[in-house]
mmCIF file of all heavy atoms, coordinates in Angstrom:
data_MODEL
# 
_entry.id   MODEL 
# 
loop_
_atom_site.group_PDB 
_atom_site.id 
_atom_site.type_symbol 
_atom_site.label_atom_id 
_atom_site.label_alt_id 
_atom_site.label_comp_id 
_atom_site.label_asym_id 
_atom_site.label_entity_id 
_atom_site.label_seq_id 
_atom_site.pdbx_PDB_ins_code 
_atom_site.Cartn_x 
_atom_site.Cartn_y 
_atom_site.Cartn_z 
_atom_site.occupancy 
_atom_site.B_iso_or_equiv 
_atom_site.pdbx_formal_charge 
_atom_site.auth_seq_id 
_atom_site.auth_comp_id 
_atom_site.auth_asym_id 
_atom_site.auth_atom_id 
_atom_site.pdbx_PDB_model_num 
ATOM 1   N N   . VAL A 1 1  ? 91.643  113.251 101.456 1.00 0.00 ? 1  VAL A N   1 
ATOM 2   C CA  . VAL A 1 1  ? 93.044  113.567 101.169 1.00 0.00 ? 1  VAL A CA  1 
ATOM 3   C C   . VAL A 1 1  ? 93.150  113.872 99.678  1.00 0.00 ? 1  VAL A C   1 
ATOM 4   O O   . VAL A 1 1  ? 92.700  113.093 98.839  1.00 0.00 ? 1  VAL A O   1 
ATOM 5   C CB  . VAL A 1 1  ? 93.979  112.388 101.531 1.00 0.00 ? 1  VAL A CB  1 
ATOM 6   C CG1 . VAL A 1 1  ? 95.436  112.775 101.298 1.00 0.00 ? 1  VAL A CG1 1 
ATOM 7   C CG2 . VAL A 1 1  ? 93.751  111.935 102.960 1.00 0.00 ? 1  VAL A CG2 1 
ATOM 8   N N   . ASN A 1 2  ? 93.722  115.023 99.339  1.00 0.00 ? 2  ASN A N   1 
ATOM 9   C CA  . ASN A 1 2  ? 93.863  115.416 97.934  1.00 0.00 ? 2  ASN A CA  1 
ATOM 10  C C   . ASN A 1 2  ? 92.532  115.403 97.183  1.00 0.00 ? 2  ASN A C   1 
ATOM 11  O O   . ASN A 1 2  ? 92.470  115.083 95.995  1.00 0.00 ? 2  ASN A O   1 
ATOM 12  C CB  . ASN A 1 2  ? 94.855  114.502 97.204  1.00 0.00 ? 2  ASN A CB  1 
ATOM 13  C CG  . ASN A 1 2  ? 96.298  114.815 97.549  1.00 0.00 ? 2  ASN A CG  1 
ATOM 14  O OD1 . ASN A 1 2  ? 96.568  115.749 98.303  1.00 0.00 ? 2  ASN A OD1 1 
ATOM 15  N ND2 . ASN A 1 2  ? 97.225  114.038 97.023  1.00 0.00 ? 2  ASN A ND2 1 
ATOM 16  N N   . GLY A 1 3  ? 91.461  115.701 97.884  1.00 0.00 ? 3  GLY A N   1 
ATOM 17  C CA  . GLY A 1 3  ? 90.159  115.801 97.237  1.00 0.00 ? 3  GLY A CA  1 
ATOM 18  C C   . GLY A 1 3  ? 89.415  114.504 97.061  1.00 0.00 ? 3  GLY A C   1 
ATOM 19  O O   . GLY A 1 3  ? 88.314  114.491 96.495  1.00 0.00 ? 3  GLY A O   1 
ATOM 20  N N   . VAL A 1 4  ? 89.983  113.385 97.525  1.00 0.00 ? 4  VAL A N   1 
ATOM 21  C CA  . VAL A 1 4  ? 89.278  112.104 97.446  1.00 0.00 ? 4  VAL A CA  1 
ATOM 22  C C   . VAL A 1 4  ? 89.103  111.543 98.852  1.00 0.00 ? 4  VAL A C   1 
ATOM 23  O O   . VAL A 1 4  ? 89.874  111.865 99.766  1.00 0.00 ? 4  VAL A O   1 
ATOM 24  C CB  . VAL A 1 4  ? 90.024  111.085 96.557  1.00 0.00 ? 4  VAL A CB  1 
ATOM 25  C CG1 . VAL A 1 4  ? 90.080  111.563 95.122  1.00 0.00 ? 4  VAL A CG1 1 
ATOM 26  C CG2 . VAL A 1 4  ? 91.423  110.815 97.095  1.00 0.00 ? 4  VAL A CG2 1 
ATOM 27  N N   . LEU A 1 5  ? 88.101  110.701 99.011  1.00 0.00 ? 5  LEU A N   1 
ATOM 28  C CA  . LEU A 1 5  ? 87.853  110.066 100.296 1.00 0.00 ? 5  LEU A CA  1 
ATOM 29  C C   . LEU A 1 5  ? 88.617  108.747 100.357 1.00 0.00 ? 5  LEU A C   1 
ATOM 30  O O   . LEU A 1 5  ? 88.426  107.868 99.507  1.00 0.00 ? 5  LEU A O   1 
ATOM 31  C CB  . LEU A 1 5  ? 86.360  109.798 100.484 1.00 0.00 ? 5  LEU A CB  1 
ATOM 32  C CG  . LEU A 1 5  ? 85.980  109.126 101.811 1.00 0.00 ? 5  LEU A CG  1 
ATOM 33  C CD1 . LEU A 1 5  ? 86.136  110.119 102.963 1.00 0.00 ? 5  LEU A CD1 1 
ATOM 34  C CD2 . LEU A 1 5  ? 84.558  108.577 101.760 1.00 0.00 ? 5  LEU A CD2 1 
ATOM 35  N N   . VAL A 1 6  ? 89.488  108.606 101.339 1.00 0.00 ? 6  VAL A N   1 
ATOM 36  C CA  . VAL A 1 6  ? 90.249  107.365 101.528 1.00 0.00 ? 6  VAL A CA  1 
ATOM 37  C C   . VAL A 1 6  ? 89.655  106.617 102.716 1.00 0.00 ? 6  VAL A C   1 
ATOM 38  O O   . VAL A 1 6  ? 89.453  107.189 103.787 1.00 0.00 ? 6  VAL A O   1 
ATOM 39  C CB  . VAL A 1 6  ? 91.738  107.669 101.788 1.00 0.00 ? 6  VAL A CB  1 
ATOM 40  C CG1 . VAL A 1 6  ? 92.506  106.370 102.039 1.00 0.00 ? 6  VAL A CG1 1 
ATOM 41  C CG2 . VAL A 1 6  ? 92.348  108.423 100.613 1.00 0.00 ? 6  VAL A CG2 1 
ATOM 42  N N   . ARG A 1 7  ? 89.363  105.341 102.502 1.00 0.00 ? 7  ARG A N   1 
ATOM 43  C CA  . ARG A 1 7  ? 88.851  104.499 103.582 1.00 0.00 ? 7  ARG A CA  1 
ATOM 44  C C   . ARG A 1 7  ? 89.338  103.072 103.373 1.00 0.00 ? 7  ARG A C   1 
ATOM 45  O O   . ARG A 1 7  ? 89.923  102.739 102.331 1.00 0.00 ? 7  ARG A O   1 
ATOM 46  C CB  . ARG A 1 7  ? 87.323  104.534 103.640 1.00 0.00 ? 7  ARG A CB  1 
ATOM 47  C CG  . ARG A 1 7  ? 86.623  104.014 102.407 1.00 0.00 ? 7  ARG A CG  1 
ATOM 48  C CD  . ARG A 1 7  ? 85.155  103.778 102.698 1.00 0.00 ? 7  ARG A CD  1 
ATOM 49  N NE  . ARG A 1 7  ? 84.343  103.465 101.533 1.00 0.00 ? 7  ARG A NE  1 
ATOM 50  C CZ  . ARG A 1 7  ? 84.320  102.286 100.917 1.00 0.00 ? 7  ARG A CZ  1 
ATOM 51  N NH1 . ARG A 1 7  ? 85.087  101.299 101.343 1.00 0.00 ? 7  ARG A NH1 1 
ATOM 52  N NH2 . ARG A 1 7  ? 83.544  102.093 99.872  1.00 0.00 ? 7  ARG A NH2 1 
ATOM 53  N N   . GLU A 1 8  ? 89.087  102.222 104.352 1.00 0.00 ? 8  GLU A N   1 
ATOM 54  C CA  . GLU A 1 8  ? 89.482  100.818 104.239 1.00 0.00 ? 8  GLU A CA  1 
ATOM 55  C C   . GLU A 1 8  ? 88.594  100.107 103.209 1.00 0.00 ? 8  GLU A C   1 
ATOM 56  O O   . GLU A 1 8  ? 87.411  100.413 103.060 1.00 0.00 ? 8  GLU A O   1 
ATOM 57  C CB  . GLU A 1 8  ? 89.370  100.130 105.592 1.00 0.00 ? 8  GLU A CB  1 
ATOM 58  C CG  . GLU A 1 8  ? 90.387  100.624 106.605 1.00 0.00 ? 8  GLU A CG  1 
ATOM 59  C CD  . GLU A 1 8  ? 90.241  99.948  107.956 1.00 0.00 ? 8  GLU A CD  1 
ATOM 60  O OE1 . GLU A 1 8  ? 89.136  100.056 108.530 1.00 0.00 ? 8  GLU A OE1 1 
ATOM 61  O OE2 . GLU A 1 8  ? 91.203  99.340  108.414 1.00 0.00 ? 8  GLU A OE2 1 
ATOM 62  N N   . MET A 1 9  ? 89.184  99.141  102.511 1.00 0.00 ? 9  MET A N   1 
ATOM 63  C CA  . MET A 1 9  ? 88.432  98.347  101.545 1.00 0.00 ? 9  MET A CA  1 
ATOM 64  C C   . MET A 1 9  ? 87.501  97.390  102.288 1.00 0.00 ? 9  MET A C   1 
ATOM 65  O O   . MET A 1 9  ? 87.870  96.824  103.321 1.00 0.00 ? 9  MET A O   1 
ATOM 66  C CB  . MET A 1 9  ? 89.384  97.548  100.646 1.00 0.00 ? 9  MET A CB  1 
ATOM 67  C CG  . MET A 1 9  ? 88.687  96.808  99.501  1.00 0.00 ? 9  MET A CG  1 
ATOM 68  S SD  . MET A 1 9  ? 89.834  95.789  98.513  1.00 0.00 ? 9  MET A SD  1 
ATOM 69  C CE  . MET A 1 9  ? 90.915  97.050  97.835  1.00 0.00 ? 9  MET A CE  1 
ATOM 70  N N   . THR A 1 10 ? 86.293  97.234  101.772 1.00 0.00 ? 10 THR A N   1 
ATOM 71  C CA  . THR A 1 10 ? 85.322  96.305  102.348 1.00 0.00 ? 10 THR A CA  1 
ATOM 72  C C   . THR A 1 10 ? 85.051  95.175  101.364 1.00 0.00 ? 10 THR A C   1 
ATOM 73  O O   . THR A 1 10 ? 85.438  95.236  100.194 1.00 0.00 ? 10 THR A O   1 
ATOM 74  C CB  . THR A 1 10 ? 83.999  97.016  102.668 1.00 0.00 ? 10 THR A CB  1 
ATOM 75  O OG1 . THR A 1 10 ? 83.380  97.429  101.424 1.00 0.00 ? 10 THR A OG1 1 
ATOM 76  C CG2 . THR A 1 10 ? 84.241  98.249  103.543 1.00 0.00 ? 10 THR A CG2 1 
ATOM 77  N N   . ALA A 1 11 ? 84.361  94.149  101.834 1.00 0.00 ? 11 ALA A N   1 
ATOM 78  C CA  . ALA A 1 11 ? 84.019  93.022  100.973 1.00 0.00 ? 11 ALA A CA  1 
ATOM 79  C C   . ALA A 1 11 ? 83.169  93.474  99.790  1.00 0.00 ? 11 ALA A C   1 
ATOM 80  O O   . ALA A 1 11 ? 83.266  92.916  98.693  1.00 0.00 ? 11 ALA A O   1 
ATOM 81  C CB  . ALA A 1 11 ? 83.280  91.954  101.785 1.00 0.00 ? 11 ALA A CB  1 
ATOM 82  N N   . GLU A 1 12 ? 82.347  94.512  100.007 1.00 0.00 ? 12 GLU A N   1 
ATOM 83  C CA  . GLU A 1 12 ? 81.501  95.021  98.930  1.00 0.00 ? 12 GLU A CA  1 
ATOM 84  C C   . GLU A 1 12 ? 82.317  95.721  97.839  1.00 0.00 ? 12 GLU A C   1 
ATOM 85  O O   . GLU A 1 12 ? 81.851  95.869  96.709  1.00 0.00 ? 12 GLU A O   1 
ATOM 86  C CB  . GLU A 1 12 ? 80.456  95.983  99.490  1.00 0.00 ? 12 GLU A CB  1 
ATOM 87  C CG  . GLU A 1 12 ? 79.369  95.334  100.331 1.00 0.00 ? 12 GLU A CG  1 
ATOM 88  C CD  . GLU A 1 12 ? 79.882  94.883  101.690 1.00 0.00 ? 12 GLU A CD  1 
ATOM 89  O OE1 . GLU A 1 12 ? 80.890  95.463  102.161 1.00 0.00 ? 12 GLU A OE1 1 
ATOM 90  O OE2 . GLU A 1 12 ? 79.284  93.956  102.276 1.00 0.00 ? 12 GLU A OE2 1 
ATOM 91  N N   . ASP A 1 13 ? 83.542  96.147  98.167  1.00 0.00 ? 13 ASP A N   1 
ATOM 92  C CA  . ASP A 1 13 ? 84.392  96.836  97.190  1.00 0.00 ? 13 ASP A CA  1 
ATOM 93  C C   . ASP A 1 13 ? 85.160  95.884  96.288  1.00 0.00 ? 13 ASP A C   1 
ATOM 94  O O   . ASP A 1 13 ? 85.642  96.278  95.222  1.00 0.00 ? 13 ASP A O   1 
ATOM 95  C CB  . ASP A 1 13 ? 85.429  97.724  97.904  1.00 0.00 ? 13 ASP A CB  1 
ATOM 96  C CG  . ASP A 1 13 ? 84.799  98.790  98.769  1.00 0.00 ? 13 ASP A CG  1 
ATOM 97  O OD1 . ASP A 1 13 ? 83.734  99.306  98.388  1.00 0.00 ? 13 ASP A OD1 1 
ATOM 98  O OD2 . ASP A 1 13 ? 85.389  99.102  99.821  1.00 0.00 ? 13 ASP A OD2 1 
ATOM 99  N N   . VAL A 1 14 ? 85.323  94.636  96.717  1.00 0.00 ? 14 VAL A N   1 
ATOM 100 C CA  . VAL A 1 14 ? 86.264  93.730  96.058  1.00 0.00 ? 14 VAL A CA  1 
ATOM 101 C C   . VAL A 1 14 ? 85.939  93.533  94.584  1.00 0.00 ? 14 VAL A C   1 
ATOM 102 O O   . VAL A 1 14 ? 86.824  93.606  93.723  1.00 0.00 ? 14 VAL A O   1 
ATOM 103 C CB  . VAL A 1 14 ? 86.307  92.372  96.795  1.00 0.00 ? 14 VAL A CB  1 
ATOM 104 C CG1 . VAL A 1 14 ? 87.024  91.323  95.951  1.00 0.00 ? 14 VAL A CG1 1 
ATOM 105 C CG2 . VAL A 1 14 ? 87.003  92.532  98.128  1.00 0.00 ? 14 VAL A CG2 1 
ATOM 106 N N   . ASP A 1 15 ? 84.676  93.302  94.253  1.00 0.00 ? 15 ASP A N   1 
ATOM 107 C CA  . ASP A 1 15 ? 84.326  93.040  92.862  1.00 0.00 ? 15 ASP A CA  1 
ATOM 108 C C   . ASP A 1 15 ? 84.620  94.255  91.984  1.00 0.00 ? 15 ASP A C   1 
ATOM 109 O O   . ASP A 1 15 ? 85.168  94.120  90.881  1.00 0.00 ? 15 ASP A O   1 
ATOM 110 C CB  . ASP A 1 15 ? 82.853  92.648  92.741  1.00 0.00 ? 15 ASP A CB  1 
ATOM 111 C CG  . ASP A 1 15 ? 82.491  92.212  91.330  1.00 0.00 ? 15 ASP A CG  1 
ATOM 112 O OD1 . ASP A 1 15 ? 82.994  91.155  90.894  1.00 0.00 ? 15 ASP A OD1 1 
ATOM 113 O OD2 . ASP A 1 15 ? 81.739  92.932  90.653  1.00 0.00 ? 15 ASP A OD2 1 
ATOM 114 N N   . THR A 1 16 ? 84.283  95.448  92.470  1.00 0.00 ? 16 THR A N   1 
ATOM 115 C CA  . THR A 1 16 ? 84.542  96.663  91.696  1.00 0.00 ? 16 THR A CA  1 
ATOM 116 C C   . THR A 1 16 ? 86.032  96.862  91.469  1.00 0.00 ? 16 THR A C   1 
ATOM 117 O O   . THR A 1 16 ? 86.478  97.141  90.351  1.00 0.00 ? 16 THR A O   1 
ATOM 118 C CB  . THR A 1 16 ? 83.965  97.891  92.421  1.00 0.00 ? 16 THR A CB  1 
ATOM 119 O OG1 . THR A 1 16 ? 82.553  97.742  92.544  1.00 0.00 ? 16 THR A OG1 1 
ATOM 120 C CG2 . THR A 1 16 ? 84.278  99.171  91.652  1.00 0.00 ? 16 THR A CG2 1 
ATOM 121 N N   . VAL A 1 17 ? 86.832  96.721  92.534  1.00 0.00 ? 17 VAL A N   1 
ATOM 122 C CA  . VAL A 1 17 ? 88.276  96.910  92.405  1.00 0.00 ? 17 VAL A CA  1 
ATOM 123 C C   . VAL A 1 17 ? 88.872  95.864  91.464  1.00 0.00 ? 17 VAL A C   1 
ATOM 124 O O   . VAL A 1 17 ? 89.730  96.176  90.625  1.00 0.00 ? 17 VAL A O   1 
ATOM 125 C CB  . VAL A 1 17 ? 88.960  96.844  93.784  1.00 0.00 ? 17 VAL A CB  1 
ATOM 126 C CG1 . VAL A 1 17 ? 90.484  96.897  93.647  1.00 0.00 ? 17 VAL A CG1 1 
ATOM 127 C CG2 . VAL A 1 17 ? 88.474  97.989  94.667  1.00 0.00 ? 17 VAL A CG2 1 
ATOM 128 N N   . ALA A 1 18 ? 88.423  94.630  91.562  1.00 0.00 ? 18 ALA A N   1 
ATOM 129 C CA  . ALA A 1 18 ? 88.938  93.569  90.684  1.00 0.00 ? 18 ALA A CA  1 
ATOM 130 C C   . ALA A 1 18 ? 88.676  93.891  89.214  1.00 0.00 ? 18 ALA A C   1 
ATOM 131 O O   . ALA A 1 18 ? 89.505  93.599  88.347  1.00 0.00 ? 18 ALA A O   1 
ATOM 132 C CB  . ALA A 1 18 ? 88.304  92.231  91.047  1.00 0.00 ? 18 ALA A CB  1 
ATOM 133 N N   . ARG A 1 19 ? 87.556  94.525  88.934  1.00 0.00 ? 19 ARG A N   1 
ATOM 134 C CA  . ARG A 1 19 ? 87.195  94.812  87.545  1.00 0.00 ? 19 ARG A CA  1 
ATOM 135 C C   . ARG A 1 19 ? 87.904  96.036  86.979  1.00 0.00 ? 19 ARG A C   1 
ATOM 136 O O   . ARG A 1 19 ? 88.204  96.073  85.782  1.00 0.00 ? 19 ARG A O   1 
ATOM 137 C CB  . ARG A 1 19 ? 85.677  94.990  87.431  1.00 0.00 ? 19 ARG A CB  1 
ATOM 138 C CG  . ARG A 1 19 ? 84.905  93.698  87.624  1.00 0.00 ? 19 ARG A CG  1 
ATOM 139 C CD  . ARG A 1 19 ? 83.414  93.889  87.472  1.00 0.00 ? 19 ARG A CD  1 
ATOM 140 N NE  . ARG A 1 19 ? 82.704  92.635  87.657  1.00 0.00 ? 19 ARG A NE  1 
ATOM 141 C CZ  . ARG A 1 19 ? 82.556  91.701  86.717  1.00 0.00 ? 19 ARG A CZ  1 
ATOM 142 N NH1 . ARG A 1 19 ? 83.054  91.917  85.511  1.00 0.00 ? 19 ARG A NH1 1 
ATOM 143 N NH2 . ARG A 1 19 ? 81.902  90.590  86.976  1.00 0.00 ? 19 ARG A NH2 1 
ATOM 144 N N   . ILE A 1 20 ? 88.183  97.035  87.810  1.00 0.00 ? 20 ILE A N   1 
ATOM 145 C CA  . ILE A 1 20 ? 88.815  98.256  87.292  1.00 0.00 ? 20 ILE A CA  1 
ATOM 146 C C   . ILE A 1 20 ? 90.339  98.206  87.418  1.00 0.00 ? 20 ILE A C   1 
ATOM 147 O O   . ILE A 1 20 ? 91.036  99.092  86.923  1.00 0.00 ? 20 ILE A O   1 
ATOM 148 C CB  . ILE A 1 20 ? 88.286  99.512  87.990  1.00 0.00 ? 20 ILE A CB  1 
ATOM 149 C CG1 . ILE A 1 20 ? 88.664  99.542  89.480  1.00 0.00 ? 20 ILE A CG1 1 
ATOM 150 C CG2 . ILE A 1 20 ? 86.773  99.633  87.821  1.00 0.00 ? 20 ILE A CG2 1 
ATOM 151 C CD1 . ILE A 1 20 ? 88.266  100.820 90.192  1.00 0.00 ? 20 ILE A CD1 1 
ATOM 152 N N   . LEU A 1 21 ? 90.859  97.175  88.060  1.00 0.00 ? 21 LEU A N   1 
ATOM 153 C CA  . LEU A 1 21 ? 92.305  97.037  88.227  1.00 0.00 ? 21 LEU A CA  1 
ATOM 154 C C   . LEU A 1 21 ? 93.002  96.942  86.870  1.00 0.00 ? 21 LEU A C   1 
ATOM 155 O O   . LEU A 1 21 ? 92.632  96.109  86.045  1.00 0.00 ? 21 LEU A O   1 
ATOM 156 C CB  . LEU A 1 21 ? 92.593  95.776  89.047  1.00 0.00 ? 21 LEU A CB  1 
ATOM 157 C CG  . LEU A 1 21 ? 94.026  95.439  89.399  1.00 0.00 ? 21 LEU A CG  1 
ATOM 158 C CD1 . LEU A 1 21 ? 94.617  96.514  90.292  1.00 0.00 ? 21 LEU A CD1 1 
ATOM 159 C CD2 . LEU A 1 21 ? 94.077  94.080  90.098  1.00 0.00 ? 21 LEU A CD2 1 
ATOM 160 N N   . PRO A 1 22 ? 94.002  97.780  86.597  1.00 0.00 ? 22 PRO A N   1 
ATOM 161 C CA  . PRO A 1 22 ? 94.728  97.689  85.320  1.00 0.00 ? 22 PRO A CA  1 
ATOM 162 C C   . PRO A 1 22 ? 95.359  96.312  85.135  1.00 0.00 ? 22 PRO A C   1 
ATOM 163 O O   . PRO A 1 22 ? 95.816  95.688  86.093  1.00 0.00 ? 22 PRO A O   1 
ATOM 164 C CB  . PRO A 1 22 ? 95.808  98.769  85.449  1.00 0.00 ? 22 PRO A CB  1 
ATOM 165 C CG  . PRO A 1 22 ? 95.289  99.716  86.468  1.00 0.00 ? 22 PRO A CG  1 
ATOM 166 C CD  . PRO A 1 22 ? 94.499  98.887  87.441  1.00 0.00 ? 22 PRO A CD  1 
ATOM 167 N N   . PHE A 1 23 ? 95.398  95.853  83.906  1.00 0.00 ? 23 PHE A N   1 
ATOM 168 C CA  . PHE A 1 23 ? 95.883  94.503  83.634  1.00 0.00 ? 23 PHE A CA  1 
ATOM 169 C C   . PHE A 1 23 ? 97.306  94.300  84.145  1.00 0.00 ? 23 PHE A C   1 
ATOM 170 O O   . PHE A 1 23 ? 97.648  93.243  84.673  1.00 0.00 ? 23 PHE A O   1 
ATOM 171 C CB  . PHE A 1 23 ? 95.827  94.202  82.131  1.00 0.00 ? 23 PHE A CB  1 
ATOM 172 C CG  . PHE A 1 23 ? 96.240  92.799  81.796  1.00 0.00 ? 23 PHE A CG  1 
ATOM 173 C CD1 . PHE A 1 23 ? 95.321  91.770  81.837  1.00 0.00 ? 23 PHE A CD1 1 
ATOM 174 C CD2 . PHE A 1 23 ? 97.558  92.498  81.460  1.00 0.00 ? 23 PHE A CD2 1 
ATOM 175 C CE1 . PHE A 1 23 ? 95.706  90.463  81.551  1.00 0.00 ? 23 PHE A CE1 1 
ATOM 176 C CE2 . PHE A 1 23 ? 97.946  91.206  81.171  1.00 0.00 ? 23 PHE A CE2 1 
ATOM 177 C CZ  . PHE A 1 23 ? 97.015  90.185  81.210  1.00 0.00 ? 23 PHE A CZ  1 
ATOM 178 N N   . ASP A 1 24 ? 98.162  95.297  83.984  1.00 0.00 ? 24 ASP A N   1 
ATOM 179 C CA  . ASP A 1 24 ? 99.558  95.141  84.392  1.00 0.00 ? 24 ASP A CA  1 
ATOM 180 C C   . ASP A 1 24 ? 99.719  94.975  85.894  1.00 0.00 ? 24 ASP A C   1 
ATOM 181 O O   . ASP A 1 24 ? 100.760 94.517  86.363  1.00 0.00 ? 24 ASP A O   1 
ATOM 182 C CB  . ASP A 1 24 ? 100.393 96.336  83.912  1.00 0.00 ? 24 ASP A CB  1 
ATOM 183 C CG  . ASP A 1 24 ? 100.649 96.285  82.410  1.00 0.00 ? 24 ASP A CG  1 
ATOM 184 O OD1 . ASP A 1 24 ? 100.568 95.172  81.843  1.00 0.00 ? 24 ASP A OD1 1 
ATOM 185 O OD2 . ASP A 1 24 ? 100.915 97.334  81.814  1.00 0.00 ? 24 ASP A OD2 1 
# 
């Protein structure tokens, strides 16, 4: 969608998302 791949979050994604999540 809009040039990016959208899929469900997995347990393997959690650490990456937690680290790149904006502070706000």
